[in-house]
C-alpha atoms as a PDB file:
ATOM      1  CA  MET A   1       0.000   0.000   0.000  1.00  0.00           C
ATOM      2  CA  ARG A   2       1.359   3.398  -0.975  1.00  0.00           C
ATOM      3  CA  GLY A   3       0.542   6.887   0.193  1.00  0.00           C
ATOM      4  CA  LYS A   4      -0.554   8.222   3.527  1.00  0.00           C
ATOM      5  CA  GLN A   5      -3.716   7.477   5.454  1.00  0.00           C
ATOM      6  CA  ARG A   6      -5.166   9.458   8.316  1.00  0.00           C
ATOM      7  CA  LEU A   7      -4.991   7.788  11.728  1.00  0.00           C
ATOM      8  CA  SER A   8      -6.782   8.591  14.956  1.00  0.00           C
ATOM      9  CA  ALA A   9      -5.210   6.953  17.995  1.00  0.00           C
ATOM     10  CA  SER A  10      -5.065   7.382  21.746  1.00  0.00           C
ATOM     11  CA  VAL A  11      -1.516   7.346  23.098  1.00  0.00           C
ATOM     12  CA  ASP A  12       0.127   7.695  26.480  1.00  0.00           C
ATOM     13  CA  ALA A  13       0.727  11.322  27.428  1.00  0.00           C
ATOM     14  CA  GLU A  14       4.472  10.800  27.905  1.00  0.00           C
ATOM     15  CA  LEU A  15       4.770   9.411  24.369  1.00  0.00           C
ATOM     16  CA  LEU A  16       2.973  12.412  22.923  1.00  0.00           C
ATOM     17  CA  HIS A  17       5.319  14.630  24.936  1.00  0.00           C
ATOM     18  CA  ALA A  18       8.325  12.724  23.550  1.00  0.00           C
ATOM     19  CA  ALA A  19       7.016  13.255  20.018  1.00  0.00           C
ATOM     20  CA  GLN A  20       6.514  16.970  20.568  1.00  0.00           C
ATOM     21  CA  THR A  21       9.971  17.269  22.128  1.00  0.00           C
ATOM     22  CA  ALA A  22      11.472  15.564  19.060  1.00  0.00           C
ATOM     23  CA  VAL A  23       9.690  18.092  16.840  1.00  0.00           C
ATOM     24  CA  ASP A  24      10.778  21.036  19.026  1.00  0.00           C
ATOM     25  CA  GLU A  25      14.398  19.842  18.935  1.00  0.00           C
ATOM     26  CA  GLY A  26      14.316  19.321  15.165  1.00  0.00           C
ATOM     27  CA  ARG A  27      14.647  15.525  15.350  1.00  0.00           C
ATOM     28  CA  ALA A  28      11.279  15.083  13.624  1.00  0.00           C
ATOM     29  CA  THR A  29       9.467  17.304  11.150  1.00  0.00           C
ATOM     30  CA  SER A  30       6.078  16.705  12.777  1.00  0.00           C
ATOM     31  CA  THR A  31       4.300  14.526  15.308  1.00  0.00           C
ATOM     32  CA  SER A  32       2.881  12.562  12.387  1.00  0.00           C
ATOM     33  CA  ALA A  33       6.388  11.958  11.037  1.00  0.00           C
ATOM     34  CA  TRP A  34       7.574  10.872  14.499  1.00  0.00           C
ATOM     35  CA  VAL A  35       4.639   8.443  14.856  1.00  0.00           C
ATOM     36  CA  ASN A  36       5.214   7.159  11.305  1.00  0.00           C
ATOM     37  CA  ASP A  37       8.877   6.462  12.135  1.00  0.00           C
ATOM     38  CA  ALA A  38       7.873   4.728  15.384  1.00  0.00           C
ATOM     39  CA  LEU A  39       5.374   2.517  13.554  1.00  0.00           C
ATOM     40  CA  ARG A  40       7.976   1.690  10.895  1.00  0.00           C
ATOM     41  CA  LEU A  41      10.526   0.729  13.576  1.00  0.00           C
ATOM     42  CA  LYS A  42       7.943  -1.457  15.340  1.00  0.00           C
ATOM     43  CA  ALA A  43       6.979  -3.170  12.069  1.00  0.00           C
ATOM     44  CA  GLU A  44      10.661  -3.825  11.254  1.00  0.00           C
ATOM     45  CA  HIS A  45      11.291  -5.127  14.775  1.00  0.00           C
ATOM     46  CA  ASP A  46       8.306  -7.479  14.564  1.00  0.00           C
ATOM     47  CA  ARG A  47       9.489  -8.748  11.162  1.00  0.00           C
ATOM     48  CA  ARG A  48      12.971  -9.443  12.553  1.00  0.00           C
ATOM     49  CA  MET A  49      11.530 -11.245  15.587  1.00  0.00           C
ATOM     50  CA  ARG A  50       9.381 -13.449  13.323  1.00  0.00           C
ATOM     51  CA  ALA A  51      12.460 -14.245  11.212  1.00  0.00           C
ATOM     52  CA  LEU A  52      14.450 -15.090  14.353  1.00  0.00           C
ATOM     53  CA  ASP A  53      11.618 -17.312  15.626  1.00  0.00           C
ATOM     54  CA  SER A  54      11.590 -19.109  12.278  1.00  0.00           C
ATOM     55  CA  PHE A  55      15.373 -19.530  12.276  1.00  0.00           C
ATOM     56  CA  LEU A  56      15.397 -20.884  15.836  1.00  0.00           C
ATOM     57  CA  ALA A  57      12.545 -23.293  15.125  1.00  0.00           C
ATOM     58  CA  THR A  58      14.373 -24.625  12.058  1.00  0.00           C
ATOM     59  CA  TYR A  59      17.680 -24.871  13.941  1.00  0.00           C
ATOM     60  CA  GLU A  60      16.125 -26.629  16.933  1.00  0.00           C
ATOM     61  CA  ALA A  61      14.202 -29.027  14.678  1.00  0.00           C
ATOM     62  CA  GLU A  62      17.529 -30.098  13.171  1.00  0.00           C
ATOM     63  CA  HIS A  63      19.862 -29.876  16.189  1.00  0.00           C
ATOM     64  CA  GLY A  64      17.620 -30.094  19.256  1.00  0.00           C
ATOM     65  CA  VAL A  65      16.517 -27.463  21.744  1.00  0.00           C
ATOM     66  CA  ILE A  66      19.169 -24.907  22.684  1.00  0.00           C
ATOM     67  CA  THR A  67      19.942 -25.402  26.373  1.00  0.00           C
ATOM     68  CA  GLU A  68      20.661 -22.811  29.069  1.00  0.00           C
ATOM     69  CA  VAL A  69      24.214 -24.187  29.269  1.00  0.00           C
ATOM     70  CA  GLU A  70      24.724 -23.573  25.534  1.00  0.00           C
ATOM     71  CA  ILE A  71      23.330 -20.051  25.862  1.00  0.00           C
ATOM     72  CA  ASP A  72      25.632 -19.322  28.828  1.00  0.00           C
ATOM     73  CA  GLU A  73      28.640 -20.629  26.883  1.00  0.00           C
ATOM     74  CA  ALA A  74      27.729 -18.495  23.858  1.00  0.00           C
ATOM     75  CA  VAL A  75      27.392 -15.408  26.071  1.00  0.00           C
ATOM     76  CA  ARG A  76      30.801 -16.069  27.636  1.00  0.00           C
ATOM     77  CA  ARG A  77      32.415 -16.492  24.191  1.00  0.00           C
ATOM     78  CA  ALA A  78      30.787 -13.312  22.893  1.00  0.00           C
ATOM     79  CA  ARG A  79      31.859 -11.307  25.940  1.00  0.00           C
ATOM     80  CA  SER A  80      35.425 -12.597  25.686  1.00  0.00           C
ATOM     81  CA  ARG A  81      35.637 -11.301  22.093  1.00  0.00           C
ATOM     82  CA  ALA A  82      33.876  -8.000  22.773  1.00  0.00           C
ATOM     83  CA  THR A  83      35.747  -4.731  22.544  1.00  0.00           C
ATOM     84  CA  VAL A  84      35.137  -2.513  25.554  1.00  0.00           C
ATOM     85  CA  VAL A  85      34.505   1.027  24.369  1.00  0.00           C
ATOM     86  CA  ARG A  86      33.619   2.406  27.779  1.00  0.00           C
ATOM     87  CA  SER A  87      34.611   1.065  31.153  1.00  0.00           C
ATOM     88  CA  ALA A  88      32.010   0.347  33.807  1.00  0.00           C
ATOM     89  CA  PRO A  89      31.395   3.326  36.100  1.00  0.00           C
ATOM     90  CA  SER A  90      33.145   3.145  39.442  1.00  0.00           C
ATOM     91  CA  LYS A  91      31.190   2.779  42.666  1.00  0.00           C
ATOM     92  CA  THR A  92      32.194   6.342  43.537  1.00  0.00           C
ATOM     93  CA  ALA A  93      30.726   7.664  40.297  1.00  0.00           C
ATOM     94  CA  LYS A  94      27.462   5.837  40.952  1.00  0.00           C
ATOM     95  CA  SER A  95      27.143   7.280  44.443  1.00  0.00           C
ATOM     96  CA  HIS A  96      27.656  10.801  43.059  1.00  0.00           C
ATOM     97  CA  ARG A  97      24.653  10.291  40.778  1.00  0.00           C
ATOM     98  CA  GLY A  98      22.472   9.207  43.676  1.00  0.00           C
ATOM     99  CA  VAL A  99      22.691   5.513  42.819  1.00  0.00           C
ATOM    100  CA  ALA A 100      23.541   3.259  45.742  1.00  0.00           C
END
């Protein structure tokens, strides 16, 4: 489907405020544009999640269910190869921000 269609929707007040702030700061041309972008991102996210579900179902049908142990091992391997671009904040820094 091409073109634009009018939409009437009720949204949470804080989301409407976020949209208006984006417009005021020049990050969106209008509330409609901001909502359109949000809907596009949600649609893309849902499509990716369906594709991931399909991939996992196919993988598990062939290789068996992925176990918690396998997930933990994969996380450890990924973290060991990760490049740290920012160190974790120190406990002193957290306490200065009011975080215990």
